Amino acid sequence: MAQWGGISLKRKIRIGSLNDQPTQVWNSGRNEIVKRLLADTCEMCGSHDGVEVHHIRHLKDLNVRGRAAKPAWAQMMAARRRKTLVVCRVCHEDIHYGASRSRQNS
């Protein structure tokens, strides 16, 4: 049986509630690196002073075969599969100069 129409063409005069600030569907939270920076904690030693970000160009640089054992910071980055590591100033200098301090809690 066929029915003509089906959708009422009668005009609705009453308007429902108007929401001027709808919830955002996109970009609702912060990205991971911003959360890690706002935590203000060194990911190597746990210090809270002078937090910086160490960045490498490629993850493939961490997993080069035939090289000596990787330092703790490189193992951390490779395990997390992240190109960035939030570290304090002292740990950052240690990474760049190849030194290792005893205060690291890895």
N, C-alpha and C. Protein backbone atom coordinates (compact mmCIF):
# COMPACT_ATOMS: atom_id res chain seq x y z
N MET A 1 0.84 -1.17 0.00
CA MET A 1 0.00 0.00 0.00
C MET A 1 0.90 1.24 0.00
N ALA A 2 0.69 2.16 -0.87
CA ALA A 2 1.48 3.37 -0.98
C ALA A 2 0.78 4.51 -0.27
N GLN A 3 1.58 5.39 0.31
CA GLN A 3 1.02 6.55 1.00
C GLN A 3 1.73 7.78 0.47
N TRP A 4 0.99 8.77 0.16
CA TRP A 4 1.57 9.99 -0.38
C TRP A 4 2.03 10.88 0.77
N GLY A 5 3.23 11.44 0.66
CA GLY A 5 3.75 12.35 1.69
C GLY A 5 4.63 11.62 2.68
N GLY A 6 4.19 11.52 3.87
CA GLY A 6 4.95 10.86 4.92
C GLY A 6 5.70 11.84 5.80
N ILE A 7 6.12 12.97 5.27
CA ILE A 7 6.81 14.00 6.05
C ILE A 7 5.90 15.21 6.11
N SER A 8 5.64 15.65 7.32
CA SER A 8 4.74 16.78 7.49
C SER A 8 5.41 18.06 6.99
N LEU A 9 4.71 18.82 6.21
CA LEU A 9 5.23 20.08 5.69
C LEU A 9 4.76 21.27 6.52
N LYS A 10 4.10 20.97 7.64
CA LYS A 10 3.60 22.01 8.51
C LYS A 10 4.79 22.71 9.18
N ARG A 11 4.78 24.02 9.20
CA ARG A 11 5.89 24.79 9.72
C ARG A 11 5.90 24.78 11.25
N LYS A 12 7.10 24.56 11.83
CA LYS A 12 7.23 24.58 13.28
C LYS A 12 7.59 25.99 13.71
N ILE A 13 6.78 26.57 14.54
CA ILE A 13 7.02 27.94 15.00
C ILE A 13 7.83 27.93 16.29
N ARG A 14 7.64 26.96 17.14
CA ARG A 14 8.33 26.89 18.41
C ARG A 14 9.74 26.32 18.19
N ILE A 15 10.74 27.02 18.69
CA ILE A 15 12.12 26.59 18.54
C ILE A 15 12.56 25.90 19.83
N GLY A 16 13.31 24.82 19.69
CA GLY A 16 13.84 24.12 20.86
C GLY A 16 14.92 24.94 21.53
N SER A 17 15.63 24.37 22.45
CA SER A 17 16.68 25.10 23.16
C SER A 17 17.84 25.41 22.21
N LEU A 18 18.40 26.59 22.35
CA LEU A 18 19.52 27.02 21.54
C LEU A 18 20.79 26.88 22.37
N ASN A 19 21.76 26.12 21.86
CA ASN A 19 23.01 25.91 22.56
C ASN A 19 24.08 26.75 21.89
N ASP A 20 24.49 27.84 22.56
CA ASP A 20 25.48 28.74 21.99
C ASP A 20 26.90 28.19 22.09
N GLN A 21 27.14 27.25 22.99
CA GLN A 21 28.48 26.68 23.15
C GLN A 21 28.39 25.16 23.08
N PRO A 22 28.28 24.61 21.88
CA PRO A 22 28.22 23.16 21.76
C PRO A 22 29.56 22.54 22.11
N THR A 23 29.54 21.28 22.52
CA THR A 23 30.78 20.59 22.86
C THR A 23 31.60 20.37 21.61
N GLN A 24 32.93 20.49 21.75
CA GLN A 24 33.81 20.29 20.61
C GLN A 24 34.04 18.80 20.39
N VAL A 25 33.96 18.38 19.17
CA VAL A 25 34.19 17.00 18.83
C VAL A 25 35.66 16.78 18.49
N TRP A 26 36.31 17.76 17.92
CA TRP A 26 37.70 17.66 17.51
C TRP A 26 38.56 18.43 18.50
N ASN A 27 39.81 18.08 18.57
CA ASN A 27 40.81 18.79 19.37
C ASN A 27 40.35 19.01 20.80
N SER A 28 39.76 17.97 21.39
CA SER A 28 39.19 18.13 22.72
C SER A 28 40.24 18.12 23.82
N GLY A 29 41.38 17.48 23.62
CA GLY A 29 42.38 17.43 24.67
C GLY A 29 43.73 17.90 24.18
N ARG A 30 44.66 17.89 25.07
CA ARG A 30 46.02 18.28 24.71
C ARG A 30 46.74 17.08 24.13
N ASN A 31 47.74 17.35 23.34
CA ASN A 31 48.50 16.23 22.81
C ASN A 31 49.49 15.73 23.87
N GLU A 32 50.11 14.63 23.57
CA GLU A 32 50.94 13.95 24.57
C GLU A 32 52.14 14.78 25.01
N ILE A 33 52.82 15.42 24.08
CA ILE A 33 54.03 16.16 24.44
C ILE A 33 53.69 17.35 25.35
N VAL A 34 52.55 17.99 25.12
CA VAL A 34 52.15 19.11 25.98
C VAL A 34 51.85 18.61 27.38
N LYS A 35 51.18 17.47 27.49
CA LYS A 35 50.90 16.89 28.82
C LYS A 35 52.20 16.55 29.54
N ARG A 36 53.17 16.01 28.81
CA ARG A 36 54.44 15.64 29.41
C ARG A 36 55.22 16.87 29.86
N LEU A 37 55.13 17.96 29.11
CA LEU A 37 55.81 19.20 29.49
C LEU A 37 55.14 19.84 30.70
N LEU A 38 53.80 19.83 30.73
CA LEU A 38 53.09 20.44 31.84
C LEU A 38 53.27 19.65 33.13
N ALA A 39 53.64 18.37 33.03
CA ALA A 39 53.92 17.59 34.23
C ALA A 39 55.16 18.12 34.95
N ASP A 40 56.05 18.82 34.21
CA ASP A 40 57.23 19.48 34.76
C ASP A 40 58.11 18.51 35.55
N THR A 41 58.31 17.31 34.98
CA THR A 41 59.12 16.29 35.64
C THR A 41 60.06 15.67 34.62
N CYS A 42 61.31 15.53 35.02
CA CYS A 42 62.30 14.87 34.16
C CYS A 42 61.95 13.39 34.07
N GLU A 43 61.91 12.87 32.84
CA GLU A 43 61.55 11.48 32.64
C GLU A 43 62.71 10.54 32.92
N MET A 44 63.89 11.08 33.19
CA MET A 44 65.04 10.23 33.49
C MET A 44 65.34 10.18 34.98
N CYS A 45 65.33 11.32 35.65
CA CYS A 45 65.71 11.35 37.07
C CYS A 45 64.58 11.79 38.00
N GLY A 46 63.50 12.35 37.46
CA GLY A 46 62.38 12.78 38.31
C GLY A 46 62.51 14.19 38.85
N SER A 47 63.51 14.93 38.44
CA SER A 47 63.74 16.29 38.91
C SER A 47 62.66 17.23 38.37
N HIS A 48 62.44 18.35 39.09
CA HIS A 48 61.42 19.32 38.67
C HIS A 48 62.03 20.67 38.29
N ASP A 49 63.34 20.76 38.18
CA ASP A 49 63.94 22.06 37.89
C ASP A 49 64.49 22.12 36.47
N GLY A 50 64.10 23.15 35.74
CA GLY A 50 64.63 23.40 34.39
C GLY A 50 64.32 22.32 33.39
N VAL A 51 63.05 21.99 33.21
CA VAL A 51 62.65 20.91 32.31
C VAL A 51 62.76 21.37 30.86
N GLU A 52 63.39 20.53 30.02
CA GLU A 52 63.58 20.79 28.59
C GLU A 52 63.17 19.55 27.81
N VAL A 53 63.18 19.67 26.48
CA VAL A 53 62.84 18.53 25.63
C VAL A 53 64.04 18.18 24.76
N HIS A 54 64.46 16.90 24.82
CA HIS A 54 65.50 16.40 23.93
C HIS A 54 64.80 15.78 22.73
N HIS A 55 65.24 16.12 21.54
CA HIS A 55 64.58 15.67 20.31
C HIS A 55 65.60 15.06 19.38
N ILE A 56 65.23 13.97 18.73
CA ILE A 56 66.09 13.37 17.71
C ILE A 56 65.38 13.48 16.37
N ARG A 57 66.14 13.37 15.28
CA ARG A 57 65.55 13.52 13.95
C ARG A 57 64.75 12.30 13.51
N HIS A 58 65.32 11.11 13.72
CA HIS A 58 64.67 9.89 13.24
C HIS A 58 64.74 8.80 14.31
N LEU A 59 63.67 8.03 14.44
CA LEU A 59 63.68 6.90 15.35
C LEU A 59 64.65 5.82 14.86
N LYS A 60 64.86 5.76 13.57
CA LYS A 60 65.75 4.74 13.03
C LYS A 60 67.19 4.96 13.49
N ASP A 61 67.53 6.18 13.91
CA ASP A 61 68.88 6.45 14.41
C ASP A 61 69.14 5.76 15.75
N LEU A 62 68.08 5.40 16.47
CA LEU A 62 68.24 4.74 17.77
C LEU A 62 68.54 3.26 17.63
N ASN A 63 68.09 2.64 16.57
CA ASN A 63 68.21 1.20 16.40
C ASN A 63 69.19 0.81 15.30
N VAL A 64 70.38 1.36 15.34
CA VAL A 64 71.39 1.04 14.34
C VAL A 64 72.12 -0.22 14.79
N ARG A 65 72.14 -1.23 13.95
CA ARG A 65 72.81 -2.49 14.30
C ARG A 65 74.33 -2.33 14.22
N GLY A 66 75.00 -3.10 15.04
CA GLY A 66 76.44 -3.09 15.01
C GLY A 66 77.07 -2.04 15.88
N ARG A 67 76.27 -1.22 16.54
CA ARG A 67 76.83 -0.21 17.44
C ARG A 67 76.91 -0.76 18.86
N ALA A 68 77.62 -0.05 19.70
CA ALA A 68 77.74 -0.45 21.11
C ALA A 68 76.37 -0.34 21.80
N ALA A 69 76.31 -0.80 23.01
CA ALA A 69 75.05 -0.77 23.78
C ALA A 69 74.54 0.66 23.88
N LYS A 70 73.23 0.79 23.76
CA LYS A 70 72.62 2.11 23.79
C LYS A 70 72.57 2.65 25.21
N PRO A 71 72.72 3.97 25.38
CA PRO A 71 72.58 4.56 26.71
C PRO A 71 71.12 4.49 27.17
N ALA A 72 70.89 4.81 28.43
CA ALA A 72 69.55 4.70 29.03
C ALA A 72 68.53 5.57 28.32
N TRP A 73 68.94 6.79 27.92
CA TRP A 73 67.98 7.69 27.27
C TRP A 73 67.56 7.14 25.92
N ALA A 74 68.47 6.53 25.19
CA ALA A 74 68.13 5.98 23.88
C ALA A 74 67.24 4.75 24.02
N GLN A 75 67.49 3.94 25.05
CA GLN A 75 66.63 2.79 25.30
C GLN A 75 65.22 3.23 25.65
N MET A 76 65.12 4.31 26.45
CA MET A 76 63.80 4.85 26.82
C MET A 76 63.03 5.31 25.59
N MET A 77 63.69 6.06 24.74
CA MET A 77 63.02 6.60 23.55
C MET A 77 62.64 5.48 22.59
N ALA A 78 63.49 4.49 22.42
CA ALA A 78 63.19 3.38 21.53
C ALA A 78 62.03 2.54 22.07
N ALA A 79 61.99 2.34 23.38
CA ALA A 79 60.92 1.55 23.98
C ALA A 79 59.57 2.26 23.85
N ARG A 80 59.58 3.57 24.01
CA ARG A 80 58.34 4.35 23.90
C ARG A 80 57.96 4.66 22.45
N ARG A 81 58.92 4.50 21.55
CA ARG A 81 58.75 4.88 20.15
C ARG A 81 58.38 6.36 20.02
N ARG A 82 59.15 7.17 20.71
CA ARG A 82 58.96 8.62 20.70
C ARG A 82 60.27 9.30 20.33
N LYS A 83 60.18 10.40 19.59
CA LYS A 83 61.34 11.15 19.17
C LYS A 83 61.72 12.22 20.19
N THR A 84 60.91 12.37 21.23
CA THR A 84 61.17 13.40 22.23
C THR A 84 61.28 12.77 23.60
N LEU A 85 62.05 13.42 24.46
CA LEU A 85 62.22 12.99 25.84
C LEU A 85 62.27 14.25 26.69
N VAL A 86 61.38 14.35 27.67
CA VAL A 86 61.35 15.52 28.56
C VAL A 86 62.34 15.26 29.68
N VAL A 87 63.38 16.10 29.73
CA VAL A 87 64.46 15.91 30.70
C VAL A 87 64.82 17.24 31.36
N CYS A 88 65.47 17.17 32.52
CA CYS A 88 65.95 18.39 33.17
C CYS A 88 67.23 18.87 32.47
N ARG A 89 67.69 20.03 32.84
CA ARG A 89 68.86 20.63 32.19
C ARG A 89 70.11 19.76 32.36
N VAL A 90 70.29 19.20 33.55
CA VAL A 90 71.48 18.38 33.82
C VAL A 90 71.46 17.12 32.96
N CYS A 91 70.33 16.43 32.92
CA CYS A 91 70.24 15.21 32.11
C CYS A 91 70.38 15.52 30.62
N HIS A 92 69.86 16.69 30.19
CA HIS A 92 69.97 17.07 28.80
C HIS A 92 71.43 17.30 28.41
N GLU A 93 72.18 17.95 29.29
CA GLU A 93 73.60 18.14 29.02
C GLU A 93 74.34 16.81 29.02
N ASP A 94 73.95 15.91 29.92
CA ASP A 94 74.56 14.57 29.95
C ASP A 94 74.33 13.82 28.65
N ILE A 95 73.13 13.95 28.11
CA ILE A 95 72.81 13.28 26.85
C ILE A 95 73.70 13.82 25.73
N HIS A 96 73.84 15.13 25.65
CA HIS A 96 74.61 15.73 24.57
C HIS A 96 76.11 15.53 24.70
N TYR A 97 76.61 15.48 25.95
CA TYR A 97 78.05 15.35 26.15
C TYR A 97 78.47 13.92 26.44
N GLY A 98 77.50 12.97 26.48
CA GLY A 98 77.82 11.57 26.67
C GLY A 98 78.18 11.17 28.08
N ALA A 99 77.93 12.03 29.04
CA ALA A 99 78.24 11.72 30.42
C ALA A 99 77.08 10.98 31.08
N SER A 100 77.34 10.37 32.19
CA SER A 100 76.30 9.68 32.94
C SER A 100 76.44 10.03 34.41
N ARG A 101 75.40 10.58 34.98
CA ARG A 101 75.44 10.95 36.39
C ARG A 101 74.82 9.85 37.24
N SER A 102 75.15 9.80 38.49
CA SER A 102 74.67 8.73 39.37
C SER A 102 73.27 9.00 39.89
N ARG A 103 72.69 10.17 39.67
CA ARG A 103 71.38 10.49 40.23
C ARG A 103 70.23 9.96 39.38
N GLN A 104 70.51 9.31 38.26
CA GLN A 104 69.46 8.78 37.40
C GLN A 104 68.78 7.61 38.05
N ASN A 105 67.43 7.56 37.96
CA ASN A 105 66.64 6.49 38.56
C ASN A 105 65.98 5.65 37.50
N SER A 106 66.74 5.04 36.62
CA SER A 106 66.16 4.25 35.55
C SER A 106 65.98 2.83 35.92
